[in-house]
C-alpha atoms as a PDB file:
ATOM      1  CA  MET A   1       0.437  -8.181 -19.316  1.00  0.00           C
ATOM      2  CA  THR A   2       4.190  -9.831 -20.228  1.00  0.00           C
ATOM      3  CA  ASP A   3       5.595 -11.659 -17.339  1.00  0.00           C
ATOM      4  CA  LEU A   4       8.635 -10.791 -15.724  1.00  0.00           C
ATOM      5  CA  PRO A   5      11.171 -12.148 -13.911  1.00  0.00           C
ATOM      6  CA  PRO A   6      10.958 -12.064 -10.233  1.00  0.00           C
ATOM      7  CA  PRO A   7      13.588  -9.577  -8.729  1.00  0.00           C
ATOM      8  CA  ALA A   8      17.103 -10.765  -8.456  1.00  0.00           C
ATOM      9  CA  ALA A   9      17.458 -10.047  -4.708  1.00  0.00           C
ATOM     10  CA  THR A  10      14.479 -13.002  -3.982  1.00  0.00           C
ATOM     11  CA  ALA A  11      15.237 -15.421  -1.622  1.00  0.00           C
ATOM     12  CA  ASP A  12      14.995 -18.848  -2.873  1.00  0.00           C
ATOM     13  CA  THR A  13      12.074 -19.851   0.060  1.00  0.00           C
ATOM     14  CA  ILE A  14      10.125 -16.593  -1.432  1.00  0.00           C
ATOM     15  CA  ARG A  15       7.737 -17.758  -4.715  1.00  0.00           C
ATOM     16  CA  HIS A  16       6.176 -15.403  -6.947  1.00  0.00           C
ATOM     17  CA  GLU A  17       2.572 -16.192  -9.013  1.00  0.00           C
ATOM     18  CA  PHE A  18       0.554 -14.371 -10.827  1.00  0.00           C
ATOM     19  CA  VAL A  19      -3.934 -14.461 -10.185  1.00  0.00           C
ATOM     20  CA  THR A  20      -6.968 -13.138 -11.612  1.00  0.00           C
ATOM     21  CA  ALA A  21      -8.923 -11.242  -8.897  1.00  0.00           C
ATOM     22  CA  ASN A  22     -11.356  -8.822  -9.175  1.00  0.00           C
ATOM     23  CA  GLY A  23     -11.141  -8.948 -12.798  1.00  0.00           C
ATOM     24  CA  LEU A  24      -6.878  -7.492 -13.025  1.00  0.00           C
ATOM     25  CA  ARG A  25      -4.194 -10.089 -12.966  1.00  0.00           C
ATOM     26  CA  LEU A  26      -2.155  -9.372  -9.810  1.00  0.00           C
ATOM     27  CA  HIS A  27       1.367 -10.337  -8.924  1.00  0.00           C
ATOM     28  CA  LEU A  28       1.838 -11.613  -5.434  1.00  0.00           C
ATOM     29  CA  ALA A  29       4.615 -13.397  -2.974  1.00  0.00           C
ATOM     30  CA  ARG A  30       4.361 -16.029  -0.818  1.00  0.00           C
ATOM     31  CA  ARG A  31       6.087 -17.888   1.622  1.00  0.00           C
ATOM     32  CA  GLY A  32       4.511 -20.752   3.400  1.00  0.00           C
ATOM     33  CA  SER A  33       1.766 -22.492   4.424  1.00  0.00           C
ATOM     34  CA  GLY A  34      -1.423 -22.359   6.993  1.00  0.00           C
ATOM     35  CA  GLU A  35      -3.140 -19.471   8.499  1.00  0.00           C
ATOM     36  CA  LEU A  36      -3.331 -16.566   6.044  1.00  0.00           C
ATOM     37  CA  ILE A  37      -1.256 -13.474   6.945  1.00  0.00           C
ATOM     38  CA  LEU A  38      -1.558 -10.669   4.512  1.00  0.00           C
ATOM     39  CA  PHE A  39       0.543  -7.955   4.105  1.00  0.00           C
ATOM     40  CA  LEU A  40      -0.451  -4.652   1.711  1.00  0.00           C
ATOM     41  CA  HIS A  41       2.127  -2.017   0.800  1.00  0.00           C
ATOM     42  CA  GLY A  42       2.390   1.745   0.520  1.00  0.00           C
ATOM     43  CA  PHE A  43       3.309   4.046  -1.336  1.00  0.00           C
ATOM     44  CA  PRO A  44       6.472   4.201  -2.744  1.00  0.00           C
ATOM     45  CA  GLU A  45       6.442   0.595  -2.003  1.00  0.00           C
ATOM     46  CA  PHE A  46       6.251  -2.990  -3.881  1.00  0.00           C
ATOM     47  CA  TRP A  47       5.724  -6.233  -2.164  1.00  0.00           C
ATOM     48  CA  TYR A  48       9.206  -5.980  -1.490  1.00  0.00           C
ATOM     49  CA  ALA A  49       9.226  -4.066   1.163  1.00  0.00           C
ATOM     50  CA  TRP A  50       7.959  -7.029   3.139  1.00  0.00           C
ATOM     51  CA  LYS A  51      10.403  -9.326   1.886  1.00  0.00           C
ATOM     52  CA  ASP A  52      11.767  -9.784   6.000  1.00  0.00           C
ATOM     53  CA  GLN A  53       8.079 -10.457   7.526  1.00  0.00           C
ATOM     54  CA  LEU A  54       7.324 -13.080   4.620  1.00  0.00           C
ATOM     55  CA  GLU A  55      10.613 -14.751   5.765  1.00  0.00           C
ATOM     56  CA  GLU A  56       9.756 -14.530   9.589  1.00  0.00           C
ATOM     57  CA  PHE A  57       6.022 -14.959   9.510  1.00  0.00           C
ATOM     58  CA  GLY A  58       6.115 -17.554   6.765  1.00  0.00           C
ATOM     59  CA  ARG A  59       7.908 -19.766   9.134  1.00  0.00           C
ATOM     60  CA  ASP A  60       4.359 -21.020  10.270  1.00  0.00           C
ATOM     61  CA  HIS A  61       1.580 -18.817   8.349  1.00  0.00           C
ATOM     62  CA  LEU A  62       0.963 -18.599   4.679  1.00  0.00           C
ATOM     63  CA  ALA A  63       2.568 -15.011   4.499  1.00  0.00           C
ATOM     64  CA  VAL A  64       1.733 -13.315   1.402  1.00  0.00           C
ATOM     65  CA  ALA A  65       2.413  -9.728   0.263  1.00  0.00           C
ATOM     66  CA  PRO A  66       0.879  -8.700  -3.289  1.00  0.00           C
ATOM     67  CA  ASP A  67       1.946  -5.660  -5.481  1.00  0.00           C
ATOM     68  CA  LEU A  68      -1.376  -3.622  -5.128  1.00  0.00           C
ATOM     69  CA  ARG A  69      -3.203  -3.144  -8.271  1.00  0.00           C
ATOM     70  CA  GLY A  70      -0.856  -1.165 -11.089  1.00  0.00           C
ATOM     71  CA  HIS A  71       1.660  -1.561  -8.713  1.00  0.00           C
ATOM     72  CA  ASN A  72       5.018  -3.380  -9.853  1.00  0.00           C
ATOM     73  CA  LEU A  73       4.182  -6.614 -12.014  1.00  0.00           C
ATOM     74  CA  SER A  74       0.391  -6.225 -11.058  1.00  0.00           C
ATOM     75  CA  GLU A  75      -1.944  -5.116 -13.638  1.00  0.00           C
ATOM     76  CA  GLY A  76      -3.914  -1.728 -13.020  1.00  0.00           C
ATOM     77  CA  PRO A  77      -7.163  -0.323 -14.306  1.00  0.00           C
ATOM     78  CA  THR A  78      -7.041   2.957 -16.952  1.00  0.00           C
ATOM     79  CA  ALA A  79      -9.839   4.883 -15.716  1.00  0.00           C
ATOM     80  CA  LEU A  80      -9.085   6.836 -12.252  1.00  0.00           C
ATOM     81  CA  ASP A  81     -11.801   5.475 -10.609  1.00  0.00           C
ATOM     82  CA  GLY A  82     -10.597   2.116 -10.672  1.00  0.00           C
ATOM     83  CA  TYR A  83      -7.634   3.077  -7.918  1.00  0.00           C
ATOM     84  CA  ARG A  84     -10.642   4.429  -5.402  1.00  0.00           C
ATOM     85  CA  VAL A  85     -10.392   2.613  -2.018  1.00  0.00           C
ATOM     86  CA  PRO A  86     -13.656   0.682  -2.607  1.00  0.00           C
ATOM     87  CA  ALA A  87     -12.424  -1.487  -5.771  1.00  0.00           C
ATOM     88  CA  LEU A  88      -8.824  -1.988  -3.774  1.00  0.00           C
ATOM     89  CA  ILE A  89     -10.563  -3.588  -0.701  1.00  0.00           C
ATOM     90  CA  GLU A  90     -12.400  -5.807  -2.988  1.00  0.00           C
ATOM     91  CA  ASP A  91      -9.170  -6.841  -4.542  1.00  0.00           C
ATOM     92  CA  VAL A  92      -8.122  -8.003  -0.999  1.00  0.00           C
ATOM     93  CA  ARG A  93     -11.470  -9.633  -0.936  1.00  0.00           C
ATOM     94  CA  ALA A  94     -10.862 -11.717  -4.147  1.00  0.00           C
ATOM     95  CA  LEU A  95      -7.360 -12.300  -3.397  1.00  0.00           C
ATOM     96  CA  ALA A  96      -7.862 -13.125   0.275  1.00  0.00           C
ATOM     97  CA  GLU A  97     -11.025 -16.024  -1.036  1.00  0.00           C
ATOM     98  CA  GLN A  98      -8.580 -17.638  -3.154  1.00  0.00           C
ATOM     99  CA  LEU A  99      -6.272 -18.199  -1.205  1.00  0.00           C
ATOM    100  CA  ASN A 100      -7.679 -18.851   2.054  1.00  0.00           C
ATOM    101  CA  GLY A 101     -11.393 -20.111   1.147  1.00  0.00           C
ATOM    102  CA  GLY A 102     -13.200 -17.365   2.917  1.00  0.00           C
ATOM    103  CA  ARG A 103     -11.938 -17.857   6.050  1.00  0.00           C
ATOM    104  CA  PRO A 104     -11.000 -15.353   8.783  1.00  0.00           C
ATOM    105  CA  PHE A 105      -7.218 -14.257   8.029  1.00  0.00           C
ATOM    106  CA  VAL A 106      -4.706 -11.425   9.401  1.00  0.00           C
ATOM    107  CA  LEU A 107      -4.851  -8.340   7.612  1.00  0.00           C
ATOM    108  CA  VAL A 108      -1.269  -6.357   8.000  1.00  0.00           C
ATOM    109  CA  GLY A 109      -1.140  -2.401   6.565  1.00  0.00           C
ATOM    110  CA  HIS A 110       1.627   0.017   6.062  1.00  0.00           C
ATOM    111  CA  ASP A 111       0.826   3.720   4.784  1.00  0.00           C
ATOM    112  CA  TRP A 112      -1.561   2.942   2.218  1.00  0.00           C
ATOM    113  CA  GLY A 113      -1.959  -0.420   2.655  1.00  0.00           C
ATOM    114  CA  GLY A 114      -3.063   0.598   6.195  1.00  0.00           C
ATOM    115  CA  VAL A 115      -5.802   2.687   4.880  1.00  0.00           C
ATOM    116  CA  ILE A 116      -7.110   0.216   2.796  1.00  0.00           C
ATOM    117  CA  ALA A 117      -6.767  -2.278   5.755  1.00  0.00           C
ATOM    118  CA  TRP A 118      -8.803   0.360   7.950  1.00  0.00           C
ATOM    119  CA  ALA A 119     -11.305   0.445   5.224  1.00  0.00           C
ATOM    120  CA  PHE A 120     -11.350  -3.736   4.870  1.00  0.00           C
ATOM    121  CA  ALA A 121     -11.844  -4.163   8.358  1.00  0.00           C
ATOM    122  CA  ILE A 122     -14.826  -1.767   8.707  1.00  0.00           C
ATOM    123  CA  ARG A 123     -16.484  -2.997   5.773  1.00  0.00           C
ATOM    124  CA  HIS A 124     -15.483  -6.720   6.384  1.00  0.00           C
ATOM    125  CA  PRO A 125     -15.018  -7.373   9.995  1.00  0.00           C
ATOM    126  CA  GLU A 126     -16.266 -11.121   9.466  1.00  0.00           C
ATOM    127  CA  LEU A 127     -12.974 -11.483   7.230  1.00  0.00           C
ATOM    128  CA  LEU A 128     -10.484 -10.489   9.632  1.00  0.00           C
ATOM    129  CA  ARG A 129      -8.955 -12.422  12.775  1.00  0.00           C
ATOM    130  CA  ARG A 130      -6.690  -9.472  13.072  1.00  0.00           C
ATOM    131  CA  LEU A 131      -5.620  -6.528  12.298  1.00  0.00           C
ATOM    132  CA  VAL A 132      -1.793  -4.698  12.489  1.00  0.00           C
ATOM    133  CA  ILE A 133      -1.801  -1.312  11.375  1.00  0.00           C
ATOM    134  CA  ILE A 134       1.961   0.401  10.615  1.00  0.00           C
ATOM    135  CA  ASN A 135       2.135   4.270  10.635  1.00  0.00           C
ATOM    136  CA  ALA A 136      -1.860   4.767   9.154  1.00  0.00           C
ATOM    137  CA  PRO A 137      -4.294   6.748  10.605  1.00  0.00           C
ATOM    138  CA  HIS A 138      -7.862   5.249  10.884  1.00  0.00           C
ATOM    139  CA  PRO A 139      -9.669   7.217   8.074  1.00  0.00           C
ATOM    140  CA  ALA A 140     -12.008   9.239  10.112  1.00  0.00           C
ATOM    141  CA  VAL A 141      -9.136  10.470  12.369  1.00  0.00           C
ATOM    142  CA  PHE A 142      -7.281  11.737   9.379  1.00  0.00           C
ATOM    143  CA  ASP A 143     -10.024  13.625   7.962  1.00  0.00           C
ATOM    144  CA  ARG A 144     -10.173  15.544  10.925  1.00  0.00           C
ATOM    145  CA  GLU A 145      -6.619  15.981  11.344  1.00  0.00           C
ATOM    146  CA  LEU A 146      -6.332  17.305   7.980  1.00  0.00           C
ATOM    147  CA  ASP A 147      -9.533  19.601   8.018  1.00  0.00           C
ATOM    148  CA  THR A 148      -9.005  21.274  11.780  1.00  0.00           C
ATOM    149  CA  ASN A 149      -4.767  20.762  12.354  1.00  0.00           C
ATOM    150  CA  PRO A 150      -2.337  23.282  10.598  1.00  0.00           C
ATOM    151  CA  ALA A 151       0.917  20.779  11.763  1.00  0.00           C
ATOM    152  CA  GLN A 152      -0.983  18.012   9.831  1.00  0.00           C
ATOM    153  CA  GLN A 153      -2.034  20.172   6.540  1.00  0.00           C
ATOM    154  CA  ARG A 154       2.023  21.682   6.324  1.00  0.00           C
ATOM    155  CA  ALA A 155       2.786  17.927   6.549  1.00  0.00           C
ATOM    156  CA  SER A 156       0.462  16.756   4.104  1.00  0.00           C
ATOM    157  CA  GLU A 157       1.166  19.067   1.251  1.00  0.00           C
ATOM    158  CA  TYR A 158       3.168  16.917  -0.348  1.00  0.00           C
ATOM    159  CA  MET A 159       0.190  14.864  -1.224  1.00  0.00           C
ATOM    160  CA  ASN A 160      -0.881  18.009  -3.311  1.00  0.00           C
ATOM    161  CA  PHE A 161       1.628  17.591  -5.319  1.00  0.00           C
ATOM    162  CA  PHE A 162       1.264  14.007  -5.642  1.00  0.00           C
ATOM    163  CA  ARG A 163      -2.343  14.900  -7.365  1.00  0.00           C
ATOM    164  CA  SER A 164      -0.974  17.066  -9.597  1.00  0.00           C
ATOM    165  CA  PRO A 165      -0.493  16.337 -13.746  1.00  0.00           C
ATOM    166  CA  GLN A 166       3.721  17.391 -12.885  1.00  0.00           C
ATOM    167  CA  ALA A 167       4.403  14.371 -10.335  1.00  0.00           C
ATOM    168  CA  GLU A 168       5.515  11.710 -12.866  1.00  0.00           C
ATOM    169  CA  ALA A 169       8.034  14.138 -14.263  1.00  0.00           C
ATOM    170  CA  GLY A 170       9.028  15.580 -10.456  1.00  0.00           C
ATOM    171  CA  LEU A 171       9.558  12.249  -8.890  1.00  0.00           C
ATOM    172  CA  SER A 172      11.320   9.958 -11.412  1.00  0.00           C
ATOM    173  CA  ALA A 173      13.803  12.769 -12.471  1.00  0.00           C
ATOM    174  CA  ASP A 174      17.648  12.268 -12.061  1.00  0.00           C
ATOM    175  CA  GLY A 175      16.794   8.420 -11.353  1.00  0.00           C
ATOM    176  CA  HIS A 176      13.685   8.734  -9.091  1.00  0.00           C
ATOM    177  CA  ALA A 177      16.080  10.912  -6.930  1.00  0.00           C
ATOM    178  CA  ALA A 178      13.337  12.462  -4.843  1.00  0.00           C
ATOM    179  CA  LEU A 179      11.886   8.831  -4.104  1.00  0.00           C
ATOM    180  CA  ARG A 180      15.630   7.484  -3.611  1.00  0.00           C
ATOM    181  CA  ARG A 181      15.645  10.362  -0.873  1.00  0.00           C
ATOM    182  CA  ILE A 182      13.078   8.717   1.484  1.00  0.00           C
ATOM    183  CA  PHE A 183      15.316   6.080   2.319  1.00  0.00           C
ATOM    184  CA  GLY A 184      18.048   8.290   3.077  1.00  0.00           C
ATOM    185  CA  SER A 185      18.177   7.834   6.781  1.00  0.00           C
ATOM    186  CA  LEU A 186      17.510   3.845   6.234  1.00  0.00           C
ATOM    187  CA  ARG A 187      20.669   3.777   4.134  1.00  0.00           C
ATOM    188  CA  ALA A 188      22.368   5.492   7.044  1.00  0.00           C
ATOM    189  CA  LYS A 189      21.460   3.286   9.310  1.00  0.00           C
ATOM    190  CA  GLY A 190      22.277   0.055   7.191  1.00  0.00           C
ATOM    191  CA  ARG A 191      19.062  -0.614   6.360  1.00  0.00           C
ATOM    192  CA  PHE A 192      18.695   0.007   3.343  1.00  0.00           C
ATOM    193  CA  THR A 193      21.277  -1.203   0.516  1.00  0.00           C
ATOM    194  CA  ASP A 194      22.368  -0.774  -2.843  1.00  0.00           C
ATOM    195  CA  ASP A 195      20.851  -3.982  -3.983  1.00  0.00           C
ATOM    196  CA  ASP A 196      17.497  -2.649  -2.104  1.00  0.00           C
ATOM    197  CA  GLU A 197      17.880   0.531  -3.937  1.00  0.00           C
ATOM    198  CA  ARG A 198      17.870  -1.344  -7.657  1.00  0.00           C
ATOM    199  CA  GLU A 199      14.842  -3.165  -6.823  1.00  0.00           C
ATOM    200  CA  TYR A 200      12.510   0.007  -6.084  1.00  0.00           C
ATOM    201  CA  VAL A 201      14.020   1.698  -8.756  1.00  0.00           C
ATOM    202  CA  ALA A 202      13.126  -0.903 -11.280  1.00  0.00           C
ATOM    203  CA  ALA A 203       9.629  -1.368  -9.777  1.00  0.00           C
ATOM    204  CA  TRP A 204       8.938   2.566 -10.150  1.00  0.00           C
ATOM    205  CA  GLY A 205      10.084   2.671 -13.688  1.00  0.00           C
ATOM    206  CA  ARG A 206       7.894  -0.089 -14.811  1.00  0.00           C
ATOM    207  CA  PRO A 207       5.523   1.340 -17.333  1.00  0.00           C
ATOM    208  CA  GLY A 208       2.506   2.754 -15.361  1.00  0.00           C
ATOM    209  CA  SER A 209       3.555   1.428 -11.939  1.00  0.00           C
ATOM    210  CA  LEU A 210       4.511   5.091 -10.821  1.00  0.00           C
ATOM    211  CA  THR A 211       1.030   6.391 -12.012  1.00  0.00           C
ATOM    212  CA  ALA A 212      -0.455   3.733  -9.972  1.00  0.00           C
ATOM    213  CA  GLY A 213       0.945   4.989  -6.877  1.00  0.00           C
ATOM    214  CA  LEU A 214      -0.189   8.634  -7.443  1.00  0.00           C
ATOM    215  CA  ASN A 215      -3.526   7.644  -8.640  1.00  0.00           C
ATOM    216  CA  LEU A 216      -4.267   5.947  -5.403  1.00  0.00           C
ATOM    217  CA  TYR A 217      -4.227  10.246  -4.237  1.00  0.00           C
ATOM    218  CA  ARG A 218      -5.509  11.258  -7.396  1.00  0.00           C
ATOM    219  CA  ALA A 219      -8.533   8.926  -7.059  1.00  0.00           C
ATOM    220  CA  SER A 220      -9.470   9.903  -3.645  1.00  0.00           C
ATOM    221  CA  ARG A 221      -8.439  13.500  -3.718  1.00  0.00           C
ATOM    222  CA  ILE A 222      -7.023  13.381  -0.945  1.00  0.00           C
ATOM    223  CA  GLY A 223      -4.857  15.871   0.953  1.00  0.00           C
ATOM    224  CA  PRO A 224      -4.900  19.479   3.066  1.00  0.00           C
ATOM    225  CA  PRO A 225      -7.123  22.082   2.186  1.00  0.00           C
ATOM    226  CA  ALA A 226      -5.561  23.830  -1.300  1.00  0.00           C
ATOM    227  CA  ALA A 227      -6.918  26.399  -3.591  1.00  0.00           C
ATOM    228  CA  GLY A 228      -8.574  25.113  -6.318  1.00  0.00           C
ATOM    229  CA  GLN A 229      -8.656  21.426  -5.397  1.00  0.00           C
ATOM    230  CA  ALA A 230     -11.832  19.720  -3.838  1.00  0.00           C
ATOM    231  CA  ARG A 231     -11.131  17.020  -1.386  1.00  0.00           C
ATOM    232  CA  ASP A 232     -13.062  14.199  -0.293  1.00  0.00           C
ATOM    233  CA  LYS A 233     -13.215  11.850   3.130  1.00  0.00           C
ATOM    234  CA  VAL A 234      -9.722   9.535   2.799  1.00  0.00           C
ATOM    235  CA  VAL A 235     -12.407   6.732   2.206  1.00  0.00           C
ATOM    236  CA  SER A 236     -15.458   7.549   0.395  1.00  0.00           C
ATOM    237  CA  GLY A 237     -18.497   5.477   0.323  1.00  0.00           C
ATOM    238  CA  LEU A 238     -18.020   3.953   4.041  1.00  0.00           C
ATOM    239  CA  ASP A 239     -19.008   4.923   7.358  1.00  0.00           C
ATOM    240  CA  ALA A 240     -15.471   5.470   8.557  1.00  0.00           C
ATOM    241  CA  THR A 241     -16.730   6.701  12.183  1.00  0.00           C
ATOM    242  CA  ALA A 242     -17.753   2.712  12.507  1.00  0.00           C
ATOM    243  CA  ALA A 243     -16.108   1.008  15.455  1.00  0.00           C
ATOM    244  CA  ILE A 244     -13.649  -1.477  14.601  1.00  0.00           C
ATOM    245  CA  ALA A 245     -14.548  -4.914  15.781  1.00  0.00           C
ATOM    246  CA  VAL A 246     -11.553  -6.823  14.977  1.00  0.00           C
ATOM    247  CA  PRO A 247      -8.657  -7.223  17.505  1.00  0.00           C
ATOM    248  CA  THR A 248      -5.793  -4.612  16.505  1.00  0.00           C
ATOM    249  CA  LEU A 249      -2.447  -3.376  16.816  1.00  0.00           C
ATOM    250  CA  VAL A 250      -1.182   0.001  15.917  1.00  0.00           C
ATOM    251  CA  ILE A 251       2.456   0.148  14.802  1.00  0.00           C
ATOM    252  CA  TRP A 252       3.820   3.856  15.391  1.00  0.00           C
ATOM    253  CA  GLY A 253       7.103   4.684  13.901  1.00  0.00           C
ATOM    254  CA  GLU A 254       7.322   8.440  16.458  1.00  0.00           C
ATOM    255  CA  ARG A 255       9.705   9.718  13.936  1.00  0.00           C
ATOM    256  CA  ASP A 256       7.023  10.081  11.095  1.00  0.00           C
ATOM    257  CA  ASP A 257       7.612  13.424   9.537  1.00  0.00           C
ATOM    258  CA  ALA A 258       4.439  12.963   7.712  1.00  0.00           C
ATOM    259  CA  LEU A 259       2.022  11.913   9.750  1.00  0.00           C
END
């Protein structure tokens, strides 16, 4: 993978580096020192979604936001199975081992990052001191809603498109217009700037980055029931009904129209 310069909008206090974890060369942004707090982004995001949190929590923590495998500047596998949740859990474990020496840490996840964070807490509760989830339902709850709740099934229909072969072309058309519209409400409130949009469009346009995000849906075959399309559990290979033993804070934006 060719080294690329960090995004131009990055503050000087945030450092960028590449580490090899779980056999992949992953890019991360970091600030500060001390107890590790690790931030996992969702789709269609990358490390940059956490830039403000890196500044804030980097004052008294080692605050780290990686690009998930295949996203933006991180190396990704070629096989679709490489995007299943167990592989992503191992990325987090291997990364935390390097950064924190196996000590318990704080894990924060949004959207797909939240799915990974829930699953990590189920598999490795001994490695977590705290868990923070932002707009990501517990996997067992989401399985129930996708199976039985017509309102959630309708709200999740976009997932079946994301799993389709047409998804890349549809999302990248007209300068990624469909993805840019996601941030429209934030732009209207002054919380998403032209500079922010340029960073996101650059990340989506990096070879393989958009496909990596879509492969999260494809590998897990996640989505509402659809003719001719099988659906797996949100997190396969784990007992999603297991109790979460880690102290957990769930933050929910009530205007989320997808969940």
